[in-house]
């Protein structure tokens, strides 16, 4: 069994080295597609590729972001894959709690899709207090797991799919469609756990918002466009995941809009205790025939594409 990871990245220079060094421990191939980074991310990928044979720089270009961009490296490198190999949608800001190689080796043959339970880390008022005392505690070269300690489990989505020659993955002009190939079978009932570090420091959060502003205006990353974002995130473990609302006239501009209250979150004591909250995350479908529809529904739920994309 080989594991092929596709990492689509843009302006993640502060964390890409940690992410890739973590992923080489379990990935046989990591195909990195840089979506026009301007902060040195691509240069770091090229340097890492010199030391780690698993890291394969695919290309750098400035295509408008879409989830189906990952189909390009998949179709380009799929000849390297054999039936039964696994492919991973690897984000540039996540580190796995469970070793994917161990986890996937235990998945029964009849299952072809594995969902991840995402433990989401946020920048809190406690972090802000420490940052004001000593900004170097949140410098880019500080290991992300040291500076980011407050989290909740409020999201889950498919992360690994089993390869077979019949899979078809086409790029779509609709931003949230085709996040994975069509023709994938049944989902495994257990979730693999990962840490997702979206908000790491004031400087990184500001860069994140600035980087995504144009994309938000084009109908992507609309989960960022919530005037009551702080309240929604702080209460997301108790809310219906389908009840998020979005404001097409609101765009976040300052990192200060992303500071949350530490008291509403769990503290990562690095003791290995990460409990999945099944009530706060999307359910894993039992019927593989509705899988593609559900995946696209999740992405539409996240982005509200139908109501916010410009009409043709």
C-alpha atoms as a PDB file:
ATOM      1  CA  UNK A   1       0.000   0.000   0.000  1.00  0.00           C
ATOM      2  CA  UNK A   2       1.324   3.412  -1.026  1.00  0.00           C
ATOM      3  CA  UNK A   3       0.002   6.764   0.169  1.00  0.00           C
ATOM      4  CA  UNK A   4      -0.121   9.647  -2.307  1.00  0.00           C
ATOM      5  CA  UNK A   5      -0.796  13.107  -0.850  1.00  0.00           C
ATOM      6  CA  UNK A   6      -1.876  16.193  -2.768  1.00  0.00           C
ATOM      7  CA  UNK A   7      -0.992  19.454  -1.034  1.00  0.00           C
ATOM      8  CA  UNK A   8      -2.535  22.592  -2.527  1.00  0.00           C
ATOM      9  CA  UNK A   9      -0.895  25.601  -0.904  1.00  0.00           C
ATOM     10  CA  UNK A  10      -0.835  29.383  -0.992  1.00  0.00           C
ATOM     11  CA  UNK A  11       1.089  31.724   1.332  1.00  0.00           C
ATOM     12  CA  UNK A  12       1.736  29.270   4.166  1.00  0.00           C
ATOM     13  CA  UNK A  13       5.473  29.931   4.600  1.00  0.00           C
ATOM     14  CA  UNK A  14       5.295  29.860   8.402  1.00  0.00           C
ATOM     15  CA  UNK A  15       3.921  26.300   8.588  1.00  0.00           C
ATOM     16  CA  UNK A  16       4.593  24.486   5.301  1.00  0.00           C
ATOM     17  CA  UNK A  17       7.922  23.074   6.525  1.00  0.00           C
ATOM     18  CA  UNK A  18       6.304  21.586   9.637  1.00  0.00           C
ATOM     19  CA  UNK A  19       3.392  20.183   7.648  1.00  0.00           C
ATOM     20  CA  UNK A  20       5.531  18.525   5.004  1.00  0.00           C
ATOM     21  CA  UNK A  21       8.097  17.168   7.465  1.00  0.00           C
ATOM     22  CA  UNK A  22       5.236  15.603   9.410  1.00  0.00           C
ATOM     23  CA  UNK A  23       3.643  14.175   6.266  1.00  0.00           C
ATOM     24  CA  UNK A  24       6.838  12.575   4.929  1.00  0.00           C
ATOM     25  CA  UNK A  25       6.712  10.243   7.918  1.00  0.00           C
ATOM     26  CA  UNK A  26       3.690   8.489   6.407  1.00  0.00           C
ATOM     27  CA  UNK A  27       3.387   9.621   2.753  1.00  0.00           C
ATOM     28  CA  UNK A  28       5.197   7.837  -0.057  1.00  0.00           C
ATOM     29  CA  UNK A  29       4.563  10.770  -2.412  1.00  0.00           C
ATOM     30  CA  UNK A  30       3.557  14.372  -1.662  1.00  0.00           C
ATOM     31  CA  UNK A  31       2.599  16.310  -4.786  1.00  0.00           C
ATOM     32  CA  UNK A  32       2.742  20.028  -3.983  1.00  0.00           C
ATOM     33  CA  UNK A  33       0.735  22.456  -6.105  1.00  0.00           C
ATOM     34  CA  UNK A  34       1.445  26.101  -5.263  1.00  0.00           C
ATOM     35  CA  UNK A  35      -1.416  28.431  -6.133  1.00  0.00           C
ATOM     36  CA  UNK A  36       0.699  31.557  -6.676  1.00  0.00           C
ATOM     37  CA  UNK A  37       2.334  32.087  -3.269  1.00  0.00           C
ATOM     38  CA  UNK A  38       4.189  35.368  -2.771  1.00  0.00           C
ATOM     39  CA  UNK A  39       5.674  34.811   0.711  1.00  0.00           C
ATOM     40  CA  UNK A  40       8.388  32.251  -0.023  1.00  0.00           C
ATOM     41  CA  UNK A  41       6.237  29.140   0.405  1.00  0.00           C
ATOM     42  CA  UNK A  42       7.170  27.690  -2.984  1.00  0.00           C
ATOM     43  CA  UNK A  43      10.864  28.321  -2.392  1.00  0.00           C
ATOM     44  CA  UNK A  44      10.651  26.387   0.880  1.00  0.00           C
ATOM     45  CA  UNK A  45       8.951  23.501  -0.922  1.00  0.00           C
ATOM     46  CA  UNK A  46      11.750  23.395  -3.491  1.00  0.00           C
ATOM     47  CA  UNK A  47      14.385  23.341  -0.751  1.00  0.00           C
ATOM     48  CA  UNK A  48      12.605  20.587   1.177  1.00  0.00           C
ATOM     49  CA  UNK A  49      12.345  18.499  -1.996  1.00  0.00           C
ATOM     50  CA  UNK A  50      16.142  18.370  -2.115  1.00  0.00           C
ATOM     51  CA  UNK A  51      16.227  16.573   1.247  1.00  0.00           C
ATOM     52  CA  UNK A  52      13.036  14.494   1.078  1.00  0.00           C
ATOM     53  CA  UNK A  53      12.426  12.305  -1.969  1.00  0.00           C
ATOM     54  CA  UNK A  54       8.727  12.021  -1.088  1.00  0.00           C
ATOM     55  CA  UNK A  55       8.161  15.742  -1.735  1.00  0.00           C
ATOM     56  CA  UNK A  56       7.470  16.324  -5.420  1.00  0.00           C
ATOM     57  CA  UNK A  57       6.903  19.963  -6.495  1.00  0.00           C
ATOM     58  CA  UNK A  58       4.192  19.748  -9.147  1.00  0.00           C
ATOM     59  CA  UNK A  59       3.994  23.351 -10.303  1.00  0.00           C
ATOM     60  CA  UNK A  60       3.257  26.929  -9.331  1.00  0.00           C
ATOM     61  CA  UNK A  61       0.635  28.969 -11.144  1.00  0.00           C
ATOM     62  CA  UNK A  62      -2.060  31.568 -10.491  1.00  0.00           C
ATOM     63  CA  UNK A  63      -5.289  29.847 -11.467  1.00  0.00           C
ATOM     64  CA  UNK A  64      -8.346  30.998  -9.496  1.00  0.00           C
ATOM     65  CA  UNK A  65      -8.786  28.724  -6.499  1.00  0.00           C
ATOM     66  CA  UNK A  66     -11.186  25.799  -6.810  1.00  0.00           C
ATOM     67  CA  UNK A  67     -11.345  22.564  -4.832  1.00  0.00           C
ATOM     68  CA  UNK A  68     -10.992  20.589  -8.040  1.00  0.00           C
ATOM     69  CA  UNK A  69      -7.508  22.026  -8.749  1.00  0.00           C
ATOM     70  CA  UNK A  70      -6.238  18.954  -6.942  1.00  0.00           C
ATOM     71  CA  UNK A  71      -7.478  16.900  -9.890  1.00  0.00           C
ATOM     72  CA  UNK A  72      -4.520  18.185 -11.929  1.00  0.00           C
ATOM     73  CA  UNK A  73      -1.725  16.501  -9.919  1.00  0.00           C
ATOM     74  CA  UNK A  74      -3.968  13.453  -9.426  1.00  0.00           C
ATOM     75  CA  UNK A  75      -4.375  12.921 -13.149  1.00  0.00           C
ATOM     76  CA  UNK A  76      -0.743  13.798 -13.844  1.00  0.00           C
ATOM     77  CA  UNK A  77       0.677  11.305 -11.331  1.00  0.00           C
ATOM     78  CA  UNK A  78      -2.023   8.646 -11.166  1.00  0.00           C
ATOM     79  CA  UNK A  79       0.099   6.298 -13.307  1.00  0.00           C
ATOM     80  CA  UNK A  80       2.330   5.904 -10.226  1.00  0.00           C
ATOM     81  CA  UNK A  81      -0.619   4.450  -8.312  1.00  0.00           C
ATOM     82  CA  UNK A  82      -1.849   0.871  -8.056  1.00  0.00           C
ATOM     83  CA  UNK A  83      -5.268  -0.461  -7.085  1.00  0.00           C
ATOM     84  CA  UNK A  84      -5.535  -0.320  -3.304  1.00  0.00           C
ATOM     85  CA  UNK A  85      -3.234   2.654  -2.817  1.00  0.00           C
ATOM     86  CA  UNK A  86      -4.628   5.598  -0.849  1.00  0.00           C
ATOM     87  CA  UNK A  87      -4.721   9.248  -1.903  1.00  0.00           C
ATOM     88  CA  UNK A  88      -4.863  12.089   0.633  1.00  0.00           C
ATOM     89  CA  UNK A  89      -6.187  15.622   0.390  1.00  0.00           C
ATOM     90  CA  UNK A  90      -3.440  17.207   2.500  1.00  0.00           C
ATOM     91  CA  UNK A  91      -3.976  20.808   3.538  1.00  0.00           C
ATOM     92  CA  UNK A  92      -0.916  22.965   4.134  1.00  0.00           C
ATOM     93  CA  UNK A  93      -1.869  23.799   7.736  1.00  0.00           C
ATOM     94  CA  UNK A  94      -2.681  20.434   9.266  1.00  0.00           C
ATOM     95  CA  UNK A  95      -0.799  17.767  11.202  1.00  0.00           C
ATOM     96  CA  UNK A  96      -2.221  14.309  11.868  1.00  0.00           C
ATOM     97  CA  UNK A  97      -2.846  12.988  15.358  1.00  0.00           C
ATOM     98  CA  UNK A  98      -3.346   9.427  14.125  1.00  0.00           C
ATOM     99  CA  UNK A  99      -0.622   7.984  11.918  1.00  0.00           C
ATOM    100  CA  UNK A 100      -2.379   7.577   8.542  1.00  0.00           C
ATOM    101  CA  UNK A 101      -0.243   4.583   7.541  1.00  0.00           C
ATOM    102  CA  UNK A 102      -1.281   2.685  10.667  1.00  0.00           C
ATOM    103  CA  UNK A 103      -4.899   3.863  10.454  1.00  0.00           C
ATOM    104  CA  UNK A 104      -5.354   3.016   6.759  1.00  0.00           C
ATOM    105  CA  UNK A 105      -3.767  -0.410   7.148  1.00  0.00           C
ATOM    106  CA  UNK A 106      -6.663  -1.324   9.446  1.00  0.00           C
ATOM    107  CA  UNK A 107      -9.450  -0.164   7.101  1.00  0.00           C
ATOM    108  CA  UNK A 108     -11.381  -3.205   5.764  1.00  0.00           C
ATOM    109  CA  UNK A 109     -11.096  -3.717   2.008  1.00  0.00           C
ATOM    110  CA  UNK A 110     -14.761  -2.937   1.343  1.00  0.00           C
ATOM    111  CA  UNK A 111     -14.299   0.730   2.341  1.00  0.00           C
ATOM    112  CA  UNK A 112     -12.909   3.298  -0.096  1.00  0.00           C
ATOM    113  CA  UNK A 113     -13.198   6.615   1.731  1.00  0.00           C
ATOM    114  CA  UNK A 114     -11.942   7.862   5.104  1.00  0.00           C
ATOM    115  CA  UNK A 115     -13.239  10.995   6.809  1.00  0.00           C
ATOM    116  CA  UNK A 116     -11.150  13.133   9.127  1.00  0.00           C
ATOM    117  CA  UNK A 117     -12.219  14.589  12.448  1.00  0.00           C
ATOM    118  CA  UNK A 118     -10.653  18.036  12.364  1.00  0.00           C
ATOM    119  CA  UNK A 119      -9.540  19.572  15.658  1.00  0.00           C
ATOM    120  CA  UNK A 120      -9.605  23.288  14.839  1.00  0.00           C
ATOM    121  CA  UNK A 121      -7.138  25.591  16.611  1.00  0.00           C
ATOM    122  CA  UNK A 122      -7.876  29.289  17.164  1.00  0.00           C
ATOM    123  CA  UNK A 123      -6.097  32.417  18.347  1.00  0.00           C
ATOM    124  CA  UNK A 124      -7.616  33.383  21.702  1.00  0.00           C
ATOM    125  CA  UNK A 125      -7.623  36.267  24.147  1.00  0.00           C
ATOM    126  CA  UNK A 126      -5.084  34.275  26.214  1.00  0.00           C
ATOM    127  CA  UNK A 127      -2.816  34.109  23.181  1.00  0.00           C
ATOM    128  CA  UNK A 128      -3.243  37.815  22.577  1.00  0.00           C
ATOM    129  CA  UNK A 129      -2.201  38.535  26.141  1.00  0.00           C
ATOM    130  CA  UNK A 130       0.964  36.473  25.713  1.00  0.00           C
ATOM    131  CA  UNK A 131       1.604  37.998  22.306  1.00  0.00           C
ATOM    132  CA  UNK A 132       1.417  41.529  23.707  1.00  0.00           C
ATOM    133  CA  UNK A 133       3.914  40.561  26.400  1.00  0.00           C
ATOM    134  CA  UNK A 134       6.309  38.873  23.987  1.00  0.00           C
ATOM    135  CA  UNK A 135       5.529  38.715  20.224  1.00  0.00           C
ATOM    136  CA  UNK A 136       8.431  36.307  19.700  1.00  0.00           C
ATOM    137  CA  UNK A 137       6.341  33.563  21.324  1.00  0.00           C
ATOM    138  CA  UNK A 138       4.254  33.603  18.123  1.00  0.00           C
ATOM    139  CA  UNK A 139       7.061  34.082  15.628  1.00  0.00           C
ATOM    140  CA  UNK A 140       6.950  32.069  12.419  1.00  0.00           C
ATOM    141  CA  UNK A 141       9.818  29.811  13.484  1.00  0.00           C
ATOM    142  CA  UNK A 142       8.105  28.720  16.714  1.00  0.00           C
ATOM    143  CA  UNK A 143       6.653  25.189  16.285  1.00  0.00           C
ATOM    144  CA  UNK A 144       2.942  25.552  15.658  1.00  0.00           C
ATOM    145  CA  UNK A 145       1.964  23.022  18.320  1.00  0.00           C
ATOM    146  CA  UNK A 146       3.775  25.095  20.941  1.00  0.00           C
ATOM    147  CA  UNK A 147       2.044  28.382  20.225  1.00  0.00           C
ATOM    148  CA  UNK A 148      -1.435  27.082  19.299  1.00  0.00           C
ATOM    149  CA  UNK A 149      -3.087  25.317  22.221  1.00  0.00           C
ATOM    150  CA  UNK A 150      -6.835  26.121  22.173  1.00  0.00           C
ATOM    151  CA  UNK A 151      -9.120  24.031  19.985  1.00  0.00           C
ATOM    152  CA  UNK A 152     -12.527  22.507  19.348  1.00  0.00           C
ATOM    153  CA  UNK A 153     -13.679  19.633  17.157  1.00  0.00           C
ATOM    154  CA  UNK A 154     -16.328  21.272  14.973  1.00  0.00           C
ATOM    155  CA  UNK A 155     -15.602  19.974  11.476  1.00  0.00           C
ATOM    156  CA  UNK A 156     -15.154  16.787   9.455  1.00  0.00           C
ATOM    157  CA  UNK A 157     -14.803  16.011   5.758  1.00  0.00           C
ATOM    158  CA  UNK A 158     -13.364  13.277   3.497  1.00  0.00           C
ATOM    159  CA  UNK A 159      -9.559  13.163   3.470  1.00  0.00           C
ATOM    160  CA  UNK A 160      -8.433   9.802   2.010  1.00  0.00           C
ATOM    161  CA  UNK A 161      -9.795   7.812  -0.927  1.00  0.00           C
ATOM    162  CA  UNK A 162      -8.711   4.415  -2.234  1.00  0.00           C
ATOM    163  CA  UNK A 163      -7.359   4.324  -5.750  1.00  0.00           C
ATOM    164  CA  UNK A 164      -8.913   2.328  -8.585  1.00  0.00           C
ATOM    165  CA  UNK A 165      -8.485   2.790 -12.307  1.00  0.00           C
ATOM    166  CA  UNK A 166     -12.176   3.599 -12.826  1.00  0.00           C
ATOM    167  CA  UNK A 167     -11.999   6.843 -10.824  1.00  0.00           C
ATOM    168  CA  UNK A 168     -12.734  10.022 -12.773  1.00  0.00           C
ATOM    169  CA  UNK A 169     -11.682  13.449 -11.499  1.00  0.00           C
ATOM    170  CA  UNK A 170     -12.376  16.489 -13.626  1.00  0.00           C
ATOM    171  CA  UNK A 171     -11.660  20.121 -12.917  1.00  0.00           C
ATOM    172  CA  UNK A 172     -14.806  22.189 -12.434  1.00  0.00           C
ATOM    173  CA  UNK A 173     -15.446  25.883 -13.028  1.00  0.00           C
ATOM    174  CA  UNK A 174     -17.787  25.848 -10.029  1.00  0.00           C
ATOM    175  CA  UNK A 175     -15.526  26.643  -7.117  1.00  0.00           C
ATOM    176  CA  UNK A 176     -16.829  24.053  -4.619  1.00  0.00           C
ATOM    177  CA  UNK A 177     -17.524  21.089  -6.924  1.00  0.00           C
ATOM    178  CA  UNK A 178     -15.447  17.962  -7.524  1.00  0.00           C
ATOM    179  CA  UNK A 179     -13.315  18.129  -4.372  1.00  0.00           C
ATOM    180  CA  UNK A 180     -12.646  14.406  -4.942  1.00  0.00           C
ATOM    181  CA  UNK A 181     -13.019  11.936  -7.828  1.00  0.00           C
ATOM    182  CA  UNK A 182     -16.346  10.419  -8.757  1.00  0.00           C
ATOM    183  CA  UNK A 183     -16.841   6.697  -8.386  1.00  0.00           C
ATOM    184  CA  UNK A 184     -15.605   6.342  -4.793  1.00  0.00           C
ATOM    185  CA  UNK A 185     -17.315   3.625  -2.773  1.00  0.00           C
ATOM    186  CA  UNK A 186     -18.400   3.260   0.848  1.00  0.00           C
ATOM    187  CA  UNK A 187     -17.073   5.373   3.722  1.00  0.00           C
ATOM    188  CA  UNK A 188     -15.310   3.832   6.698  1.00  0.00           C
ATOM    189  CA  UNK A 189     -17.233   4.395   9.936  1.00  0.00           C
ATOM    190  CA  UNK A 190     -14.239   5.559  11.987  1.00  0.00           C
ATOM    191  CA  UNK A 191     -12.660   8.989  11.539  1.00  0.00           C
ATOM    192  CA  UNK A 192      -8.954   9.729  11.403  1.00  0.00           C
ATOM    193  CA  UNK A 193      -7.957  12.636  13.662  1.00  0.00           C
ATOM    194  CA  UNK A 194      -5.939  15.679  12.662  1.00  0.00           C
ATOM    195  CA  UNK A 195      -4.988  19.102  13.998  1.00  0.00           C
ATOM    196  CA  UNK A 196      -5.927  22.033  11.786  1.00  0.00           C
ATOM    197  CA  UNK A 197      -4.014  25.251  12.470  1.00  0.00           C
ATOM    198  CA  UNK A 198      -5.883  27.943  10.546  1.00  0.00           C
ATOM    199  CA  UNK A 199      -5.186  30.837  12.936  1.00  0.00           C
ATOM    200  CA  UNK A 200      -1.644  30.867  14.295  1.00  0.00           C
ATOM    201  CA  UNK A 201      -0.528  34.438  15.024  1.00  0.00           C
ATOM    202  CA  UNK A 202      -1.677  38.015  14.316  1.00  0.00           C
ATOM    203  CA  UNK A 203       0.731  38.334  11.381  1.00  0.00           C
ATOM    204  CA  UNK A 204      -0.344  35.009   9.893  1.00  0.00           C
ATOM    205  CA  UNK A 205      -4.066  35.683  10.363  1.00  0.00           C
ATOM    206  CA  UNK A 206      -3.719  39.048   8.663  1.00  0.00           C
ATOM    207  CA  UNK A 207      -1.897  37.438   5.750  1.00  0.00           C
ATOM    208  CA  UNK A 208      -4.605  34.772   5.558  1.00  0.00           C
ATOM    209  CA  UNK A 209      -7.373  37.370   5.305  1.00  0.00           C
ATOM    210  CA  UNK A 210      -5.458  39.468   2.782  1.00  0.00           C
ATOM    211  CA  UNK A 211      -4.635  36.400   0.673  1.00  0.00           C
ATOM    212  CA  UNK A 212      -8.248  35.229   0.624  1.00  0.00           C
ATOM    213  CA  UNK A 213      -9.932  38.571   0.038  1.00  0.00           C
ATOM    214  CA  UNK A 214      -9.993  38.305  -3.756  1.00  0.00           C
ATOM    215  CA  UNK A 215     -11.117  34.686  -3.550  1.00  0.00           C
ATOM    216  CA  UNK A 216     -13.953  35.643  -1.197  1.00  0.00           C
ATOM    217  CA  UNK A 217     -15.044  38.308  -3.651  1.00  0.00           C
ATOM    218  CA  UNK A 218     -15.061  35.587  -6.322  1.00  0.00           C
ATOM    219  CA  UNK A 219     -17.268  33.259  -4.286  1.00  0.00           C
ATOM    220  CA  UNK A 220     -14.744  31.109  -2.385  1.00  0.00           C
ATOM    221  CA  UNK A 221     -13.962  30.769   1.343  1.00  0.00           C
ATOM    222  CA  UNK A 222     -17.307  32.340   2.134  1.00  0.00           C
ATOM    223  CA  UNK A 223     -17.333  30.663   5.553  1.00  0.00           C
ATOM    224  CA  UNK A 224     -15.042  33.587   6.467  1.00  0.00           C
ATOM    225  CA  UNK A 225     -17.788  36.086   5.574  1.00  0.00           C
ATOM    226  CA  UNK A 226     -19.806  36.151   8.782  1.00  0.00           C
ATOM    227  CA  UNK A 227     -20.269  39.337  10.787  1.00  0.00           C
ATOM    228  CA  UNK A 228     -20.913  37.211  13.867  1.00  0.00           C
ATOM    229  CA  UNK A 229     -17.995  34.869  13.107  1.00  0.00           C
ATOM    230  CA  UNK A 230     -16.655  34.957  16.688  1.00  0.00           C
ATOM    231  CA  UNK A 231     -20.007  34.003  18.225  1.00  0.00           C
ATOM    232  CA  UNK A 232     -20.612  31.254  15.662  1.00  0.00           C
ATOM    233  CA  UNK A 233     -17.202  29.672  16.191  1.00  0.00           C
ATOM    234  CA  UNK A 234     -17.387  29.861  19.976  1.00  0.00           C
ATOM    235  CA  UNK A 235     -20.775  28.142  19.975  1.00  0.00           C
ATOM    236  CA  UNK A 236     -20.230  25.788  17.029  1.00  0.00           C
ATOM    237  CA  UNK A 237     -19.923  22.673  19.210  1.00  0.00           C
ATOM    238  CA  UNK A 238     -23.543  23.168  20.243  1.00  0.00           C
ATOM    239  CA  UNK A 239     -24.973  24.360  16.918  1.00  0.00           C
ATOM    240  CA  UNK A 240     -26.439  22.536  13.954  1.00  0.00           C
ATOM    241  CA  UNK A 241     -23.644  22.497  11.355  1.00  0.00           C
ATOM    242  CA  UNK A 242     -26.182  23.402   8.671  1.00  0.00           C
ATOM    243  CA  UNK A 243     -27.285  26.623  10.335  1.00  0.00           C
ATOM    244  CA  UNK A 244     -24.381  28.904   9.399  1.00  0.00           C
ATOM    245  CA  UNK A 245     -25.357  32.120   7.648  1.00  0.00           C
ATOM    246  CA  UNK A 246     -23.230  34.300   5.396  1.00  0.00           C
ATOM    247  CA  UNK A 247     -23.236  37.966   4.481  1.00  0.00           C
ATOM    248  CA  UNK A 248     -22.215  38.713   0.895  1.00  0.00           C
ATOM    249  CA  UNK A 249     -21.547  42.350   1.800  1.00  0.00           C
ATOM    250  CA  UNK A 250     -19.146  41.602   4.668  1.00  0.00           C
ATOM    251  CA  UNK A 251     -15.431  40.968   4.251  1.00  0.00           C
ATOM    252  CA  UNK A 252     -13.102  40.518   7.252  1.00  0.00           C
ATOM    253  CA  UNK A 253     -10.130  42.891   7.111  1.00  0.00           C
ATOM    254  CA  UNK A 254      -8.341  42.732  10.472  1.00  0.00           C
ATOM    255  CA  UNK A 255      -6.804  39.864  12.418  1.00  0.00           C
ATOM    256  CA  UNK A 256      -8.471  41.322  15.521  1.00  0.00           C
ATOM    257  CA  UNK A 257     -11.794  40.034  14.162  1.00  0.00           C
ATOM    258  CA  UNK A 258     -10.471  36.493  14.634  1.00  0.00           C
ATOM    259  CA  UNK A 259      -9.646  36.617  18.357  1.00  0.00           C
ATOM    260  CA  UNK A 260     -11.891  34.281  20.382  1.00  0.00           C
ATOM    261  CA  UNK A 261     -12.367  33.620  24.109  1.00  0.00           C
ATOM    262  CA  UNK A 262     -10.119  30.845  25.416  1.00  0.00           C
ATOM    263  CA  UNK A 263     -12.715  29.869  28.022  1.00  0.00           C
ATOM    264  CA  UNK A 264     -14.988  28.568  25.239  1.00  0.00           C
ATOM    265  CA  UNK A 265     -12.349  26.129  23.948  1.00  0.00           C
ATOM    266  CA  UNK A 266     -10.421  23.066  25.057  1.00  0.00           C
ATOM    267  CA  UNK A 267      -6.765  23.348  26.003  1.00  0.00           C
ATOM    268  CA  UNK A 268      -4.282  21.069  24.304  1.00  0.00           C
ATOM    269  CA  UNK A 269      -2.121  19.709  27.134  1.00  0.00           C
ATOM    270  CA  UNK A 270      -0.240  17.471  24.693  1.00  0.00           C
ATOM    271  CA  UNK A 271      -1.510  14.455  26.592  1.00  0.00           C
ATOM    272  CA  UNK A 272      -3.017  12.707  23.563  1.00  0.00           C
ATOM    273  CA  UNK A 273      -6.597  13.202  24.745  1.00  0.00           C
ATOM    274  CA  UNK A 274      -8.567  14.386  21.700  1.00  0.00           C
ATOM    275  CA  UNK A 275     -12.234  13.393  21.797  1.00  0.00           C
ATOM    276  CA  UNK A 276     -14.329  13.483  18.614  1.00  0.00           C
ATOM    277  CA  UNK A 277     -17.572  15.437  19.017  1.00  0.00           C
ATOM    278  CA  UNK A 278     -19.981  13.572  16.733  1.00  0.00           C
ATOM    279  CA  UNK A 279     -22.795  16.023  17.515  1.00  0.00           C
ATOM    280  CA  UNK A 280     -20.912  19.010  16.108  1.00  0.00           C
ATOM    281  CA  UNK A 281     -19.626  17.562  12.822  1.00  0.00           C
ATOM    282  CA  UNK A 282     -21.195  16.244   9.585  1.00  0.00           C
ATOM    283  CA  UNK A 283     -22.353  12.646   9.670  1.00  0.00           C
ATOM    284  CA  UNK A 284     -20.587   9.983   7.620  1.00  0.00           C
ATOM    285  CA  UNK A 285     -22.973   8.700   4.903  1.00  0.00           C
ATOM    286  CA  UNK A 286     -23.823   5.006   4.844  1.00  0.00           C
ATOM    287  CA  UNK A 287     -24.953   4.893   1.212  1.00  0.00           C
ATOM    288  CA  UNK A 288     -22.040   5.319  -1.234  1.00  0.00           C
ATOM    289  CA  UNK A 289     -24.458   6.262  -4.029  1.00  0.00           C
ATOM    290  CA  UNK A 290     -25.171   9.588  -2.312  1.00  0.00           C
ATOM    291  CA  UNK A 291     -21.562  10.250  -1.369  1.00  0.00           C
ATOM    292  CA  UNK A 292     -20.667  12.632  -4.206  1.00  0.00           C
ATOM    293  CA  UNK A 293     -23.827  14.638  -3.621  1.00  0.00           C
ATOM    294  CA  UNK A 294     -23.117  14.861   0.096  1.00  0.00           C
ATOM    295  CA  UNK A 295     -19.525  15.978  -0.399  1.00  0.00           C
ATOM    296  CA  UNK A 296     -20.676  18.757  -2.719  1.00  0.00           C
ATOM    297  CA  UNK A 297     -23.449  19.651  -0.286  1.00  0.00           C
ATOM    298  CA  UNK A 298     -20.899  20.049   2.501  1.00  0.00           C
ATOM    299  CA  UNK A 299     -18.824  22.360   0.344  1.00  0.00           C
ATOM    300  CA  UNK A 300     -21.912  24.353  -0.653  1.00  0.00           C
ATOM    301  CA  UNK A 301     -22.935  24.527   2.991  1.00  0.00           C
ATOM    302  CA  UNK A 302     -19.504  25.897   3.777  1.00  0.00           C
ATOM    303  CA  UNK A 303     -19.433  28.443   0.970  1.00  0.00           C
ATOM    304  CA  UNK A 304     -23.099  29.121   0.070  1.00  0.00           C
ATOM    305  CA  UNK A 305     -22.167  29.042  -3.599  1.00  0.00           C
ATOM    306  CA  UNK A 306     -25.732  29.076  -4.897  1.00  0.00           C
ATOM    307  CA  UNK A 307     -26.664  32.365  -3.298  1.00  0.00           C
ATOM    308  CA  UNK A 308     -23.401  34.248  -3.431  1.00  0.00           C
ATOM    309  CA  UNK A 309     -21.744  33.523  -6.767  1.00  0.00           C
ATOM    310  CA  UNK A 310     -22.396  36.200  -9.433  1.00  0.00           C
ATOM    311  CA  UNK A 311     -25.168  35.128 -11.750  1.00  0.00           C
ATOM    312  CA  UNK A 312     -24.202  34.286 -15.333  1.00  0.00           C
END
